[in-house]
Amino acid sequence: MKKNVLIIGAGGVAQVVAHKCAQNNDVLGDIHIASRTREKCERIIASINEKKAMKQPGKLEAHTLDALDIEATKRLIEQTGTQIVINVGTAFLNMSVLSACIDTGAAYIDTAIHEEPGKICETPPWYANYEWKCAAECEEKGITAVLGAGFDPGVVNAYARLAKDEYLDKVTDVDIVDINAGSHGKYFATNFDPEINFREFTGVVYSWQNGQWQENRMFEIGKEYDLPVVGKSKAYLCGHDEVHSLAKNMDGADVRFWMGFGDHYINVFTVLKNIGLLSEKPVTTAEGLEVVPLKVVKACLPDPASLAPEYEGKTCIGDFVKGTRDGKETEVFIYNVADHKDAYNEVGSQGISYTAGVPPVAAAMLIARGDWDVGKMANVEELPPRPFLGLLNRMGLPTRIRDAQGDRALEFEV
């Protein structure tokens, strides 16, 4: 049984991860939080102590770490006795942290595909450009590495696997829909790291259709969805992490990702993009300073963690899965609804951070108790979904289903 967790990152998602690890430290053991800015880690620890989140007395420590430094990360893993690393720092860190885990024997969990600062929208499937190249080494050394274990990617992958296993004989379509019907009161802000957020939307939109990768432009294809609780919302076809693994693991089904955007977001985004302020390529100012426009925009926007106190409303994220059952065309919608205020009251973060931060802790608990300690690299849909979704039901992200029998909660053994 693995114990002792190192959380890499100290943003809004890391705050949720740390709180949930504290609430389950009887399973996870010691908790360490590491970031380049130790003060951010200490603020998270103060929040945990203020809310008395620790389930039982235990170690809760902050550390300064540049996670791009593989040797420094290895030393911290070894010094802390860490056996499970939850990487919720920027996606630029993935390969460095994964390498440190492979070298030290620690299990690895992340919530997004690795990215390189100077590259956007690489040749799909993106996982094959980075993480999957380490799969053979992970299996050879018996290293458990669970990729994309947030909500999307992550929980939505488990929803697709559940639908495939239990509700359909053959899956033909997986449409993942992410609607945030909340409001934070700011003129313009992103719900997580602006740099990563914008990079998702400035390049090619890839989807998997008819057995091949299809390319579109951002905001080129939109449709209206009528979802539980949040109602009717306009969503647009987007490129997203989970498409790149589900395309391999859903037996040829079409896989698309749709995200909701309001007109205001689209207008501001379009202006920023058209004047070059979302470019990842350096430019030189009249004063001779070299700057990256995207990083300047990031510096000017609110820290996503700062949105939490005023955030209101709900999110609805789920999978429309189509196919056949007993020879008849069938569709199920498996989903979760989360509340921004509830998230803030519990852990001090907004709902987007909450939905992203709870699942990797559930994954860590499954590794700790052996269910998901598979000794190899795996995307979430390659692992049993029931224990994962069962823990999420208990931890604050309940699963529901809407199908021919109506709309109801799904129960799973923990």
Protein backbone atom coordinates (compact mmCIF):
# COMPACT_ATOMS: atom_id res chain seq x y z
CA MET A 1 0.00 0.00 0.00
CA LYS A 2 1.43 3.38 -1.07
CA LYS A 3 1.34 6.41 1.23
CA ASN A 4 2.61 9.98 1.50
CA VAL A 5 1.65 12.52 -1.14
CA LEU A 6 3.59 15.32 -2.81
CA ILE A 7 1.37 17.96 -4.45
CA ILE A 8 3.21 19.99 -7.10
CA GLY A 9 1.59 23.38 -7.73
CA ALA A 10 -0.03 25.97 -5.49
CA GLY A 11 -2.87 27.48 -7.52
CA GLY A 12 -6.62 27.11 -7.18
CA VAL A 13 -6.67 23.44 -8.20
CA ALA A 14 -3.79 22.63 -5.84
CA GLN A 15 -5.76 24.20 -3.01
CA VAL A 16 -8.63 21.78 -3.66
CA VAL A 17 -6.21 18.85 -3.95
CA ALA A 18 -4.54 19.74 -0.65
CA HIS A 19 -7.85 20.11 1.20
CA LYS A 20 -9.12 16.79 -0.14
CA CYS A 21 -5.85 15.05 0.71
CA ALA A 22 -6.14 16.46 4.24
CA GLN A 23 -9.72 15.18 4.52
CA ASN A 24 -8.43 11.73 3.57
CA ASN A 25 -5.02 11.66 5.21
CA ASP A 26 -5.95 8.44 7.00
CA VAL A 27 -5.53 6.82 3.58
CA LEU A 28 -2.92 9.10 2.01
CA GLY A 29 -0.55 9.75 4.94
CA ASP A 30 1.85 12.71 4.96
CA ILE A 31 1.03 15.67 2.73
CA HIS A 32 3.68 17.89 1.13
CA ILE A 33 2.97 20.89 -1.11
CA ALA A 34 5.70 22.27 -3.38
CA SER A 35 5.88 25.32 -5.63
CA ARG A 36 8.44 27.88 -6.77
CA THR A 37 6.77 30.26 -4.31
CA ARG A 38 6.73 28.68 -0.86
CA GLU A 39 4.42 31.41 0.44
CA LYS A 40 1.60 30.13 -1.79
CA CYS A 41 2.00 26.65 -0.30
CA GLU A 42 1.92 28.11 3.21
CA ARG A 43 -1.32 29.96 2.43
CA ILE A 44 -2.92 26.68 1.39
CA ILE A 45 -1.74 25.05 4.62
CA ALA A 46 -3.19 27.97 6.59
CA SER A 47 -6.52 27.48 4.80
CA ILE A 48 -6.52 23.76 5.67
CA ASN A 49 -5.79 24.54 9.31
CA GLU A 50 -8.42 27.28 9.41
CA LYS A 51 -11.10 24.89 8.15
CA LYS A 52 -9.78 22.06 10.37
CA ALA A 53 -9.70 19.85 7.28
CA MET A 54 -7.20 17.25 8.52
CA LYS A 55 -9.06 14.01 9.22
CA GLN A 56 -6.41 12.92 11.70
CA PRO A 57 -3.19 14.46 13.04
CA GLY A 58 -0.40 14.20 10.49
CA LYS A 59 2.38 15.91 8.57
CA LEU A 60 1.46 18.88 6.35
CA GLU A 61 4.47 20.76 4.99
CA ALA A 62 5.37 23.41 2.40
CA HIS A 63 8.43 23.28 0.14
CA THR A 64 10.14 25.49 -2.43
CA LEU A 65 10.68 23.64 -5.72
CA ASP A 66 11.40 24.38 -9.36
CA ALA A 67 9.74 21.25 -10.76
CA LEU A 68 11.50 21.69 -14.11
CA ASP A 69 14.62 20.66 -12.20
CA ILE A 70 14.34 16.87 -12.31
CA GLU A 71 17.14 16.25 -9.82
CA ALA A 72 15.64 18.69 -7.30
CA THR A 73 12.26 16.99 -7.67
CA LYS A 74 13.84 13.57 -7.15
CA ARG A 75 15.55 14.81 -3.98
CA LEU A 76 12.30 16.17 -2.58
CA ILE A 77 10.46 12.91 -3.35
CA GLU A 78 13.13 10.92 -1.57
CA GLN A 79 13.52 13.31 1.39
CA THR A 80 9.79 13.34 2.08
CA GLY A 81 9.24 9.63 1.59
CA THR A 82 6.67 10.43 -1.09
CA GLN A 83 5.11 7.46 -2.86
CA ILE A 84 2.39 9.33 -4.80
CA VAL A 85 2.97 12.58 -6.71
CA ILE A 86 -0.04 14.67 -7.77
CA ASN A 87 1.10 17.11 -10.43
CA VAL A 88 -1.29 20.06 -10.69
CA GLY A 89 1.28 22.63 -11.73
CA THR A 90 1.40 24.06 -15.24
CA ALA A 91 1.29 21.52 -18.07
CA PHE A 92 4.85 22.57 -18.98
CA LEU A 93 6.07 20.53 -15.97
CA ASN A 94 4.61 17.13 -16.84
CA MET A 95 7.58 15.45 -18.46
CA SER A 96 10.04 16.68 -15.83
CA VAL A 97 7.86 15.49 -12.95
CA LEU A 98 7.08 12.19 -14.69
CA SER A 99 10.81 11.60 -15.20
CA ALA A 100 11.46 12.21 -11.50
CA CYS A 101 8.75 9.71 -10.59
CA ILE A 102 10.10 7.06 -12.95
CA ASP A 103 13.58 7.47 -11.45
CA THR A 104 12.39 7.34 -7.82
CA GLY A 105 9.61 4.76 -8.12
CA ALA A 106 6.85 7.15 -7.04
CA ALA A 107 3.39 6.88 -8.62
CA TYR A 108 2.49 9.80 -10.88
CA ILE A 109 -0.86 11.56 -11.46
CA ASP A 110 -1.57 14.59 -13.64
CA THR A 111 -4.63 16.39 -15.01
CA ALA A 112 -3.58 17.56 -18.50
CA ILE A 113 -1.34 16.70 -21.47
CA HIS A 114 2.23 17.99 -21.41
CA GLU A 115 2.88 21.15 -23.39
CA GLU A 116 6.02 22.90 -24.58
CA PRO A 117 5.98 26.71 -24.25
CA GLY A 118 6.87 27.36 -27.87
CA LYS A 119 4.44 24.88 -29.44
CA ILE A 120 0.64 24.95 -29.78
CA CYS A 121 -1.67 22.27 -31.19
CA GLU A 122 0.88 19.66 -32.09
CA THR A 123 0.21 16.66 -34.31
CA PRO A 124 -2.49 14.48 -32.74
CA PRO A 125 -2.73 12.40 -30.70
CA TRP A 126 -0.80 14.78 -28.42
CA TYR A 127 -0.19 12.14 -25.78
CA ALA A 128 1.95 10.26 -28.31
CA ASN A 129 4.28 13.27 -28.57
CA TYR A 130 5.23 13.15 -24.89
CA GLU A 131 3.74 11.00 -22.12
CA TRP A 132 3.04 7.85 -24.12
CA LYS A 133 6.72 7.72 -25.12
CA CYS A 134 7.43 6.77 -21.50
CA ALA A 135 4.82 4.00 -21.32
CA ALA A 136 7.24 1.14 -21.98
CA GLU A 137 9.66 2.39 -19.33
CA CYS A 138 6.86 2.76 -16.79
CA GLU A 139 5.74 -0.81 -17.40
CA GLU A 140 9.30 -2.14 -17.33
CA LYS A 141 9.94 -0.47 -13.95
CA GLY A 142 6.45 -1.08 -12.55
CA ILE A 143 5.67 2.65 -12.23
CA THR A 144 2.00 3.60 -11.98
CA ALA A 145 1.33 6.75 -14.01
CA VAL A 146 -2.31 7.87 -14.34
CA LEU A 147 -2.71 10.52 -17.02
CA GLY A 148 -5.41 13.16 -17.23
CA ALA A 149 -7.11 12.48 -13.91
CA GLY A 150 -8.96 15.78 -13.49
CA PHE A 151 -12.57 16.22 -14.56
CA ASP A 152 -12.12 16.86 -18.26
CA PRO A 153 -9.91 15.03 -18.95
CA GLY A 154 -10.48 12.46 -16.24
CA VAL A 155 -14.00 11.94 -14.93
CA VAL A 156 -15.45 12.33 -18.43
CA ASN A 157 -13.13 9.54 -19.57
CA ALA A 158 -14.53 7.33 -16.80
CA TYR A 159 -18.07 8.26 -17.88
CA ALA A 160 -17.29 7.13 -21.44
CA ARG A 161 -15.85 3.84 -20.16
CA LEU A 162 -18.90 3.30 -17.91
CA ALA A 163 -21.28 3.87 -20.81
CA LYS A 164 -19.29 1.46 -22.97
CA ASP A 165 -19.19 -1.22 -20.26
CA GLU A 166 -22.71 -1.03 -18.89
CA TYR A 167 -25.16 0.91 -21.07
CA LEU A 168 -24.30 0.23 -24.71
CA ASP A 169 -23.32 -2.81 -26.74
CA LYS A 170 -21.58 -0.60 -29.30
CA VAL A 171 -20.56 3.04 -28.93
CA THR A 172 -20.67 5.23 -32.04
CA ASP A 173 -20.37 8.76 -30.60
CA VAL A 174 -18.94 10.40 -27.49
CA ASP A 175 -19.76 14.10 -27.15
CA ILE A 176 -18.27 15.65 -24.03
CA VAL A 177 -20.01 18.88 -23.00
CA ASP A 178 -18.64 21.37 -20.46
CA ILE A 179 -20.94 24.24 -19.45
CA ASN A 180 -20.04 26.75 -16.75
CA ALA A 181 -23.20 28.73 -15.99
CA GLY A 182 -21.51 30.61 -13.15
CA SER A 183 -20.56 34.28 -12.88
CA HIS A 184 -17.50 35.76 -11.16
CA GLY A 185 -18.32 39.45 -11.60
CA LYS A 186 -15.08 40.40 -13.38
CA TYR A 187 -15.00 42.10 -16.77
CA PHE A 188 -12.91 39.25 -18.17
CA ALA A 189 -11.08 36.35 -16.57
CA THR A 190 -10.22 32.71 -17.15
CA ASN A 191 -11.15 29.95 -14.71
CA PHE A 192 -7.67 28.43 -14.67
CA ASP A 193 -4.16 29.42 -15.79
CA PRO A 194 -4.78 32.02 -18.57
CA GLU A 195 -1.72 30.90 -20.50
CA ILE A 196 -2.87 27.28 -20.69
CA ASN A 197 -6.51 28.33 -21.19
CA PHE A 198 -5.82 30.51 -24.22
CA ARG A 199 -3.40 28.04 -25.80
CA GLU A 200 -6.29 25.55 -26.01
CA PHE A 201 -8.26 27.92 -28.21
CA THR A 202 -5.74 29.70 -30.46
CA GLY A 203 -4.76 26.74 -32.65
CA VAL A 204 -6.45 24.00 -34.63
CA VAL A 205 -9.55 22.32 -33.17
CA TYR A 206 -9.03 18.56 -33.45
CA SER A 207 -11.82 16.00 -33.17
CA TRP A 208 -11.89 12.29 -34.02
CA GLN A 209 -14.55 11.51 -36.62
CA ASN A 210 -15.00 8.78 -39.22
CA GLY A 211 -11.76 7.11 -38.19
CA GLN A 212 -9.56 10.16 -38.70
CA TRP A 213 -8.57 13.49 -37.20
CA GLN A 214 -10.78 16.34 -38.32
CA GLU A 215 -9.53 19.94 -38.24
CA ASN A 216 -11.69 23.01 -37.59
CA ARG A 217 -11.26 26.57 -36.39
CA MET A 218 -12.19 27.71 -32.90
CA PHE A 219 -15.82 28.92 -32.72
CA GLU A 220 -16.45 27.57 -36.25
CA ILE A 221 -19.00 24.97 -35.12
CA GLY A 222 -21.50 25.61 -32.34
CA LYS A 223 -24.72 24.03 -31.11
CA GLU A 224 -27.20 24.55 -28.31
CA TYR A 225 -27.49 22.04 -25.49
CA ASP A 226 -30.32 21.86 -22.97
CA LEU A 227 -28.68 20.43 -19.86
CA PRO A 228 -29.90 19.59 -16.36
CA VAL A 229 -29.89 22.51 -13.89
CA VAL A 230 -27.97 24.98 -16.12
CA GLY A 231 -30.57 24.90 -18.93
CA LYS A 232 -29.96 25.94 -22.54
CA SER A 233 -26.41 26.95 -23.41
CA LYS A 234 -24.41 27.50 -26.59
CA ALA A 235 -21.35 25.26 -26.83
CA TYR A 236 -18.60 25.18 -29.42
CA LEU A 237 -16.49 22.36 -30.81
CA CYS A 238 -13.06 22.61 -29.17
CA GLY A 239 -9.83 20.71 -29.09
CA HIS A 240 -9.24 19.06 -25.71
CA ASP A 241 -7.00 16.53 -24.00
CA GLU A 242 -9.43 13.65 -23.58
CA VAL A 243 -10.20 13.44 -27.30
CA HIS A 244 -6.60 12.32 -27.86
CA SER A 245 -6.83 9.22 -25.68
CA LEU A 246 -10.50 8.34 -26.16
CA ALA A 247 -9.89 8.28 -29.91
CA LYS A 248 -7.63 5.29 -29.26
CA ASN A 249 -9.66 3.59 -26.53
CA MET A 250 -13.33 3.81 -27.61
CA ASP A 251 -13.21 1.21 -30.38
CA GLY A 252 -13.55 3.60 -33.30
CA ALA A 253 -16.32 5.84 -31.92
CA ASP A 254 -16.39 9.48 -32.97
CA VAL A 255 -15.13 11.69 -30.12
CA ARG A 256 -15.84 15.43 -29.82
CA PHE A 257 -15.47 18.02 -27.07
CA TRP A 258 -17.85 20.97 -26.67
CA MET A 259 -17.39 23.91 -24.31
CA GLY A 260 -19.80 26.70 -23.48
CA PHE A 261 -18.81 30.33 -24.18
CA GLY A 262 -20.76 33.53 -23.87
CA ASP A 263 -20.68 36.26 -26.52
CA HIS A 264 -18.62 38.55 -24.27
CA TYR A 265 -15.85 35.97 -23.82
CA ILE A 266 -15.77 35.30 -27.57
CA ASN A 267 -15.57 39.02 -28.40
CA VAL A 268 -12.71 39.74 -25.99
CA PHE A 269 -10.87 36.58 -27.01
CA THR A 270 -11.21 37.46 -30.70
CA VAL A 271 -9.82 40.97 -30.23
CA LEU A 272 -6.86 39.71 -28.18
CA LYS A 273 -6.10 37.02 -30.75
CA ASN A 274 -6.48 39.24 -33.80
CA ILE A 275 -4.06 41.87 -32.52
CA GLY A 276 -1.50 39.25 -31.57
CA LEU A 277 -1.75 39.41 -27.80
CA LEU A 278 -2.36 35.67 -27.47
CA SER A 279 0.80 34.70 -29.34
CA GLU A 280 3.30 32.44 -27.57
CA LYS A 281 6.13 33.84 -29.77
CA PRO A 282 8.37 36.60 -28.30
CA VAL A 283 8.19 40.14 -29.63
CA THR A 284 10.51 43.11 -29.02
CA THR A 285 9.14 46.41 -27.72
CA ALA A 286 10.29 49.84 -28.88
CA GLU A 287 12.46 49.95 -25.75
CA GLY A 288 14.25 46.78 -26.76
CA LEU A 289 12.53 44.49 -24.25
CA GLU A 290 11.69 40.97 -25.39
CA VAL A 291 8.30 39.85 -24.12
CA VAL A 292 5.85 37.04 -24.85
CA PRO A 293 2.42 38.66 -25.50
CA LEU A 294 0.51 35.73 -23.98
CA LYS A 295 2.50 36.02 -20.75
CA VAL A 296 1.78 39.77 -20.61
CA VAL A 297 -1.96 39.12 -20.96
CA LYS A 298 -1.71 36.49 -18.22
CA ALA A 299 -0.02 39.01 -15.92
CA CYS A 300 -2.81 41.53 -16.52
CA LEU A 301 -5.72 39.18 -15.84
CA PRO A 302 -7.07 38.19 -12.41
CA ASP A 303 -5.48 35.18 -10.74
CA PRO A 304 -8.09 32.40 -11.24
CA ALA A 305 -7.84 31.58 -7.53
CA SER A 306 -8.95 35.15 -6.71
CA LEU A 307 -12.33 34.59 -8.42
CA ALA A 308 -13.60 32.17 -5.79
CA PRO A 309 -15.17 34.50 -3.15
CA GLU A 310 -17.60 36.15 -5.59
CA TYR A 311 -18.30 33.19 -7.86
CA GLU A 312 -21.95 32.10 -8.07
CA GLY A 313 -23.86 29.59 -10.16
CA LYS A 314 -23.29 26.03 -11.27
CA THR A 315 -21.42 23.89 -13.77
CA CYS A 316 -22.68 20.90 -15.73
CA ILE A 317 -20.12 18.60 -17.33
CA GLY A 318 -20.84 15.24 -18.87
CA ASP A 319 -20.86 12.81 -21.78
CA PHE A 320 -23.56 12.23 -24.36
CA VAL A 321 -22.78 8.69 -25.46
CA LYS A 322 -24.63 7.23 -28.45
CA GLY A 323 -24.68 3.73 -29.87
CA THR A 324 -26.80 0.63 -29.87
CA ARG A 325 -28.22 -1.62 -27.14
CA ASP A 326 -30.00 -4.86 -28.04
CA GLY A 327 -30.02 -3.72 -31.66
CA LYS A 328 -31.72 -0.37 -30.92
CA GLU A 329 -30.22 3.11 -31.13
CA THR A 330 -29.54 4.37 -27.60
CA GLU A 331 -28.18 7.54 -25.98
CA VAL A 332 -27.20 8.19 -22.37
CA PHE A 333 -26.03 11.40 -20.73
CA ILE A 334 -23.77 10.79 -17.73
CA TYR A 335 -22.92 13.99 -15.87
CA ASN A 336 -22.14 15.99 -12.75
CA VAL A 337 -23.45 19.34 -11.53
CA ALA A 338 -21.22 21.38 -9.21
CA ASP A 339 -21.93 24.60 -7.32
CA HIS A 340 -19.35 27.42 -7.10
CA LYS A 341 -20.52 28.64 -3.68
CA ASP A 342 -20.52 25.15 -2.22
CA ALA A 343 -16.95 24.67 -3.43
CA TYR A 344 -15.82 27.96 -1.90
CA ASN A 345 -17.49 27.24 1.42
CA GLU A 346 -15.82 23.84 1.66
CA VAL A 347 -12.29 24.42 0.36
CA GLY A 348 -11.97 28.12 -0.52
CA SER A 349 -11.87 27.59 -4.31
CA GLN A 350 -14.36 28.12 -7.16
CA GLY A 351 -16.24 25.29 -8.84
CA ILE A 352 -13.93 24.88 -11.85
CA SER A 353 -10.97 24.32 -9.55
CA TYR A 354 -13.11 22.00 -7.41
CA THR A 355 -14.13 19.77 -10.32
CA ALA A 356 -10.50 19.60 -11.47
CA GLY A 357 -9.00 19.07 -8.01
CA VAL A 358 -11.16 16.40 -6.38
CA PRO A 359 -10.61 13.65 -9.01
CA PRO A 360 -6.79 13.39 -8.76
CA VAL A 361 -7.18 12.87 -5.01
CA ALA A 362 -9.66 10.07 -5.66
CA ALA A 363 -7.10 8.60 -8.09
CA ALA A 364 -4.39 8.89 -5.42
CA MET A 365 -6.60 7.06 -2.92
CA LEU A 366 -7.20 4.27 -5.44
CA ILE A 367 -3.47 3.96 -5.98
CA ALA A 368 -2.88 4.01 -2.23
CA ARG A 369 -5.29 1.15 -1.59
CA GLY A 370 -4.23 -0.81 -4.69
CA ASP A 371 -7.26 -0.57 -7.02
CA TRP A 372 -5.43 1.62 -9.53
CA ASP A 373 -1.83 0.79 -8.60
CA VAL A 374 -1.39 -0.92 -11.96
CA GLY A 375 2.39 -0.63 -12.34
CA LYS A 376 2.15 0.96 -15.79
CA MET A 377 0.98 4.11 -17.58
CA ALA A 378 -2.77 4.44 -18.15
CA ASN A 379 -5.34 7.02 -19.18
CA VAL A 380 -8.42 7.06 -16.96
CA GLU A 381 -10.67 5.20 -19.41
CA GLU A 382 -8.23 2.28 -19.30
CA LEU A 383 -8.93 1.78 -15.58
CA PRO A 384 -12.04 0.45 -13.77
CA PRO A 385 -14.48 3.38 -13.50
CA ARG A 386 -16.72 2.19 -10.68
CA PRO A 387 -14.29 2.59 -7.74
CA PHE A 388 -13.30 6.03 -9.04
CA LEU A 389 -16.86 7.26 -9.46
CA GLY A 390 -17.80 5.73 -6.12
CA LEU A 391 -15.17 7.77 -4.32
CA LEU A 392 -16.20 10.91 -6.19
CA ASN A 393 -19.81 10.42 -5.06
CA ARG A 394 -18.57 10.48 -1.48
CA MET A 395 -16.06 13.30 -2.02
CA GLY A 396 -18.42 15.90 -3.47
CA LEU A 397 -18.77 15.14 -7.21
CA PRO A 398 -21.81 12.84 -7.53
CA THR A 399 -22.59 11.18 -10.85
CA ARG A 400 -26.03 11.28 -12.45
CA ILE A 401 -27.47 9.74 -15.62
CA ARG A 402 -30.23 10.81 -17.97
CA ASP A 403 -31.55 8.11 -20.30
CA ALA A 404 -34.80 6.46 -21.39
CA GLN A 405 -35.56 5.64 -17.74
CA GLY A 406 -35.34 9.28 -16.65
CA ASP A 407 -32.83 11.32 -14.67
CA ARG A 408 -31.33 9.75 -11.56
CA ALA A 409 -28.27 9.47 -9.35
CA LEU A 410 -25.88 6.58 -9.88
CA GLU A 411 -24.60 4.68 -6.88
CA PHE A 412 -21.33 2.78 -6.69
CA GLU A 413 -19.65 0.74 -3.99
CA VAL A 414 -16.67 2.50 -2.42
